[in-house]
Amino acid sequence: MPILMVSLMISLVAASFGEALAAMATWFTWSAMALIIVDLVVMWRSYKRLHAERLPKEPLKGLLAYAINRSVNLRRLRMPAPRVKPGDQI
């Protein structure tokens, strides 16, 4: 997410310096968004498998939006704060 925000700022500034630079910055921004979407799809698919294994009778309703919200936010700024450290076993 920080890379996306920086690329958006660069694309705004680059628009005043020339079309070629603005096009490259825009391409980079769209690429970053595509990578975020791919990461979200992979995360959701693995989460569905884990959810089916641990909580087979619980519905998935509302969990996709919650997962997207948690994954797009910076870890330090998440509320409620994460309880598991990166790399720890769940």
N, C-alpha and C. Protein backbone atom coordinates (compact mmCIF):
# COMPACT_ATOMS: atom_id res chain seq x y z
N MET A 1 0.81 -1.20 0.00
CA MET A 1 0.00 0.00 0.00
C MET A 1 0.86 1.27 0.00
N PRO A 2 1.94 1.32 0.76
CA PRO A 2 2.77 2.53 0.69
C PRO A 2 3.34 2.75 -0.71
N ILE A 3 3.67 1.67 -1.40
CA ILE A 3 4.20 1.81 -2.76
C ILE A 3 3.13 2.41 -3.66
N LEU A 4 1.90 2.00 -3.49
CA LEU A 4 0.81 2.54 -4.29
C LEU A 4 0.62 4.03 -4.03
N MET A 5 0.67 4.43 -2.78
CA MET A 5 0.50 5.85 -2.45
C MET A 5 1.65 6.70 -3.02
N VAL A 6 2.87 6.20 -2.93
CA VAL A 6 4.01 6.93 -3.49
C VAL A 6 3.91 7.01 -5.00
N SER A 7 3.49 5.93 -5.64
CA SER A 7 3.37 5.96 -7.10
C SER A 7 2.26 6.91 -7.55
N LEU A 8 1.19 7.03 -6.77
CA LEU A 8 0.15 8.01 -7.10
C LEU A 8 0.68 9.44 -6.99
N MET A 9 1.45 9.71 -5.96
CA MET A 9 2.03 11.05 -5.81
C MET A 9 3.02 11.34 -6.95
N ILE A 10 3.82 10.35 -7.31
CA ILE A 10 4.77 10.54 -8.40
C ILE A 10 4.05 10.78 -9.71
N SER A 11 2.95 10.06 -9.95
CA SER A 11 2.23 10.26 -11.20
C SER A 11 1.60 11.64 -11.27
N LEU A 12 1.18 12.19 -10.14
CA LEU A 12 0.64 13.56 -10.14
C LEU A 12 1.73 14.58 -10.45
N VAL A 13 2.90 14.39 -9.86
CA VAL A 13 4.01 15.31 -10.10
C VAL A 13 4.55 15.13 -11.52
N ALA A 14 4.63 13.89 -11.99
CA ALA A 14 5.19 13.60 -13.30
C ALA A 14 4.33 14.16 -14.43
N ALA A 15 3.05 14.37 -14.19
CA ALA A 15 2.18 14.90 -15.23
C ALA A 15 2.62 16.29 -15.68
N SER A 16 3.26 17.04 -14.80
CA SER A 16 3.70 18.39 -15.17
C SER A 16 5.04 18.38 -15.90
N PHE A 17 5.78 17.27 -15.87
CA PHE A 17 7.09 17.20 -16.51
C PHE A 17 7.07 16.63 -17.91
N GLY A 18 6.05 15.95 -18.30
CA GLY A 18 5.99 15.41 -19.65
C GLY A 18 5.09 14.19 -19.72
N GLU A 19 4.65 13.93 -20.93
CA GLU A 19 3.71 12.84 -21.12
C GLU A 19 4.35 11.47 -20.95
N ALA A 20 5.59 11.31 -21.38
CA ALA A 20 6.25 10.01 -21.29
C ALA A 20 6.45 9.60 -19.83
N LEU A 21 6.90 10.54 -19.01
CA LEU A 21 7.11 10.26 -17.60
C LEU A 21 5.78 10.00 -16.89
N ALA A 22 4.77 10.75 -17.26
CA ALA A 22 3.44 10.56 -16.67
C ALA A 22 2.87 9.19 -17.07
N ALA A 23 3.11 8.78 -18.30
CA ALA A 23 2.62 7.47 -18.75
C ALA A 23 3.31 6.34 -18.00
N MET A 24 4.62 6.47 -17.78
CA MET A 24 5.35 5.44 -17.03
C MET A 24 4.87 5.38 -15.58
N ALA A 25 4.65 6.53 -14.97
CA ALA A 25 4.17 6.56 -13.58
C ALA A 25 2.77 5.97 -13.49
N THR A 26 1.93 6.26 -14.47
CA THR A 26 0.58 5.71 -14.48
C THR A 26 0.61 4.20 -14.67
N TRP A 27 1.49 3.74 -15.55
CA TRP A 27 1.64 2.30 -15.76
C TRP A 27 2.09 1.61 -14.48
N PHE A 28 3.03 2.22 -13.78
CA PHE A 28 3.50 1.66 -12.51
C PHE A 28 2.38 1.62 -11.48
N THR A 29 1.56 2.66 -11.43
CA THR A 29 0.43 2.69 -10.48
C THR A 29 -0.56 1.57 -10.78
N TRP A 30 -0.91 1.40 -12.04
CA TRP A 30 -1.83 0.33 -12.41
C TRP A 30 -1.23 -1.04 -12.14
N SER A 31 0.06 -1.20 -12.34
CA SER A 31 0.73 -2.47 -12.04
C SER A 31 0.68 -2.77 -10.55
N ALA A 32 0.91 -1.75 -9.74
CA ALA A 32 0.83 -1.94 -8.28
C ALA A 32 -0.58 -2.35 -7.87
N MET A 33 -1.59 -1.73 -8.46
CA MET A 33 -2.98 -2.10 -8.15
C MET A 33 -3.27 -3.53 -8.58
N ALA A 34 -2.76 -3.93 -9.73
CA ALA A 34 -2.97 -5.30 -10.19
C ALA A 34 -2.31 -6.30 -9.25
N LEU A 35 -1.11 -5.99 -8.77
CA LEU A 35 -0.44 -6.88 -7.82
C LEU A 35 -1.20 -6.98 -6.50
N ILE A 36 -1.79 -5.88 -6.07
CA ILE A 36 -2.60 -5.90 -4.85
C ILE A 36 -3.81 -6.81 -5.05
N ILE A 37 -4.45 -6.71 -6.19
CA ILE A 37 -5.62 -7.54 -6.48
C ILE A 37 -5.24 -9.02 -6.54
N VAL A 38 -4.11 -9.33 -7.18
CA VAL A 38 -3.65 -10.72 -7.25
C VAL A 38 -3.35 -11.24 -5.84
N ASP A 39 -2.72 -10.42 -5.02
CA ASP A 39 -2.42 -10.82 -3.65
C ASP A 39 -3.71 -11.07 -2.86
N LEU A 40 -4.71 -10.23 -3.05
CA LEU A 40 -5.99 -10.41 -2.36
C LEU A 40 -6.69 -11.70 -2.79
N VAL A 41 -6.63 -12.02 -4.08
CA VAL A 41 -7.26 -13.25 -4.57
C VAL A 41 -6.57 -14.47 -3.98
N VAL A 42 -5.24 -14.46 -3.98
CA VAL A 42 -4.49 -15.59 -3.41
C VAL A 42 -4.78 -15.71 -1.92
N MET A 43 -4.79 -14.57 -1.21
CA MET A 43 -5.08 -14.59 0.22
C MET A 43 -6.48 -15.15 0.49
N TRP A 44 -7.46 -14.72 -0.27
CA TRP A 44 -8.84 -15.16 -0.04
C TRP A 44 -9.00 -16.65 -0.30
N ARG A 45 -8.37 -17.15 -1.36
CA ARG A 45 -8.47 -18.58 -1.66
C ARG A 45 -7.85 -19.42 -0.55
N SER A 46 -6.71 -19.00 -0.04
CA SER A 46 -6.08 -19.76 1.04
C SER A 46 -6.88 -19.62 2.33
N TYR A 47 -7.48 -18.44 2.54
CA TYR A 47 -8.29 -18.27 3.74
C TYR A 47 -9.54 -19.15 3.70
N LYS A 48 -10.16 -19.27 2.53
CA LYS A 48 -11.36 -20.11 2.42
C LYS A 48 -11.03 -21.56 2.77
N ARG A 49 -9.87 -22.04 2.31
CA ARG A 49 -9.47 -23.40 2.65
C ARG A 49 -9.26 -23.56 4.16
N LEU A 50 -8.57 -22.60 4.76
CA LEU A 50 -8.32 -22.64 6.20
C LEU A 50 -9.62 -22.54 6.99
N HIS A 51 -10.53 -21.70 6.53
CA HIS A 51 -11.83 -21.53 7.19
C HIS A 51 -12.65 -22.82 7.12
N ALA A 52 -12.65 -23.45 5.96
CA ALA A 52 -13.40 -24.70 5.80
C ALA A 52 -12.83 -25.80 6.69
N GLU A 53 -11.52 -25.77 6.91
CA GLU A 53 -10.89 -26.78 7.75
C GLU A 53 -11.18 -26.55 9.23
N ARG A 54 -11.11 -25.31 9.68
CA ARG A 54 -11.25 -25.02 11.10
C ARG A 54 -12.68 -24.77 11.55
N LEU A 55 -13.47 -24.11 10.71
CA LEU A 55 -14.85 -23.76 11.05
C LEU A 55 -15.79 -24.18 9.92
N PRO A 56 -16.01 -25.49 9.75
CA PRO A 56 -16.74 -25.96 8.57
C PRO A 56 -18.20 -25.50 8.48
N LYS A 57 -18.84 -25.24 9.60
CA LYS A 57 -20.27 -24.89 9.56
C LYS A 57 -20.53 -23.40 9.65
N GLU A 58 -19.50 -22.59 9.77
CA GLU A 58 -19.66 -21.15 9.87
C GLU A 58 -19.71 -20.52 8.47
N PRO A 59 -20.59 -19.56 8.24
CA PRO A 59 -20.66 -18.91 6.91
C PRO A 59 -19.51 -17.92 6.70
N LEU A 60 -19.22 -17.63 5.45
CA LEU A 60 -18.16 -16.69 5.08
C LEU A 60 -18.69 -15.28 4.90
N LYS A 61 -19.95 -15.05 5.18
CA LYS A 61 -20.58 -13.76 4.92
C LYS A 61 -19.86 -12.63 5.66
N GLY A 62 -19.44 -11.61 4.91
CA GLY A 62 -18.80 -10.44 5.47
C GLY A 62 -17.29 -10.57 5.66
N LEU A 63 -16.76 -11.77 5.55
CA LEU A 63 -15.34 -11.96 5.82
C LEU A 63 -14.45 -11.46 4.69
N LEU A 64 -14.94 -11.47 3.47
CA LEU A 64 -14.12 -10.97 2.36
C LEU A 64 -13.84 -9.48 2.53
N ALA A 65 -14.85 -8.70 2.82
CA ALA A 65 -14.66 -7.26 3.02
C ALA A 65 -13.74 -6.99 4.20
N TYR A 66 -13.90 -7.75 5.26
CA TYR A 66 -13.05 -7.59 6.44
C TYR A 66 -11.59 -7.95 6.11
N ALA A 67 -11.40 -9.03 5.37
CA ALA A 67 -10.05 -9.45 5.00
C ALA A 67 -9.38 -8.43 4.09
N ILE A 68 -10.13 -7.88 3.15
CA ILE A 68 -9.56 -6.86 2.26
C ILE A 68 -9.18 -5.64 3.06
N ASN A 69 -10.04 -5.22 3.96
CA ASN A 69 -9.77 -4.06 4.80
C ASN A 69 -8.51 -4.27 5.64
N ARG A 70 -8.37 -5.44 6.25
CA ARG A 70 -7.21 -5.72 7.09
C ARG A 70 -5.93 -5.83 6.26
N SER A 71 -6.02 -6.40 5.08
CA SER A 71 -4.80 -6.62 4.30
C SER A 71 -4.30 -5.35 3.61
N VAL A 72 -5.18 -4.42 3.32
CA VAL A 72 -4.77 -3.20 2.63
C VAL A 72 -4.19 -2.18 3.62
N ASN A 73 -4.63 -2.22 4.88
CA ASN A 73 -4.12 -1.28 5.87
C ASN A 73 -2.70 -1.65 6.30
N LEU A 74 -1.94 -0.65 6.69
CA LEU A 74 -0.62 -0.91 7.23
C LEU A 74 -0.77 -1.63 8.57
N ARG A 75 0.11 -2.56 8.84
CA ARG A 75 -0.01 -3.39 10.04
C ARG A 75 -0.01 -2.58 11.32
N ARG A 76 0.81 -1.55 11.39
CA ARG A 76 0.89 -0.72 12.61
C ARG A 76 -0.38 0.09 12.86
N LEU A 77 -1.13 0.37 11.80
CA LEU A 77 -2.31 1.21 11.93
C LEU A 77 -3.61 0.43 12.07
N ARG A 78 -3.53 -0.88 12.08
CA ARG A 78 -4.75 -1.69 12.16
C ARG A 78 -5.40 -1.58 13.53
N MET A 79 -6.73 -1.52 13.50
CA MET A 79 -7.50 -1.51 14.74
C MET A 79 -8.57 -2.58 14.62
N PRO A 80 -8.70 -3.52 15.47
CA PRO A 80 -7.85 -3.78 16.63
C PRO A 80 -6.48 -4.27 16.19
N ALA A 81 -5.51 -4.09 17.03
CA ALA A 81 -4.13 -4.43 16.72
C ALA A 81 -3.97 -5.94 16.49
N PRO A 82 -3.08 -6.34 15.58
CA PRO A 82 -2.85 -7.77 15.36
C PRO A 82 -2.24 -8.43 16.61
N ARG A 83 -2.68 -9.63 16.90
CA ARG A 83 -2.19 -10.36 18.06
C ARG A 83 -1.08 -11.35 17.70
N VAL A 84 -1.01 -11.72 16.43
CA VAL A 84 -0.03 -12.69 15.98
C VAL A 84 1.09 -11.94 15.26
N LYS A 85 2.32 -12.27 15.60
CA LYS A 85 3.47 -11.65 14.95
C LYS A 85 3.66 -12.25 13.56
N PRO A 86 4.22 -11.49 12.61
CA PRO A 86 4.45 -12.05 11.27
C PRO A 86 5.31 -13.31 11.32
N GLY A 87 4.85 -14.36 10.67
CA GLY A 87 5.58 -15.61 10.61
C GLY A 87 5.25 -16.60 11.71
N ASP A 88 4.49 -16.19 12.74
CA ASP A 88 4.10 -17.10 13.81
C ASP A 88 3.04 -18.07 13.33
N GLN A 89 3.01 -19.22 13.94
CA GLN A 89 2.00 -20.24 13.63
C GLN A 89 0.65 -19.80 14.21
N ILE A 90 -0.40 -19.98 13.43
CA ILE A 90 -1.74 -19.59 13.88
C ILE A 90 -2.37 -20.74 14.62
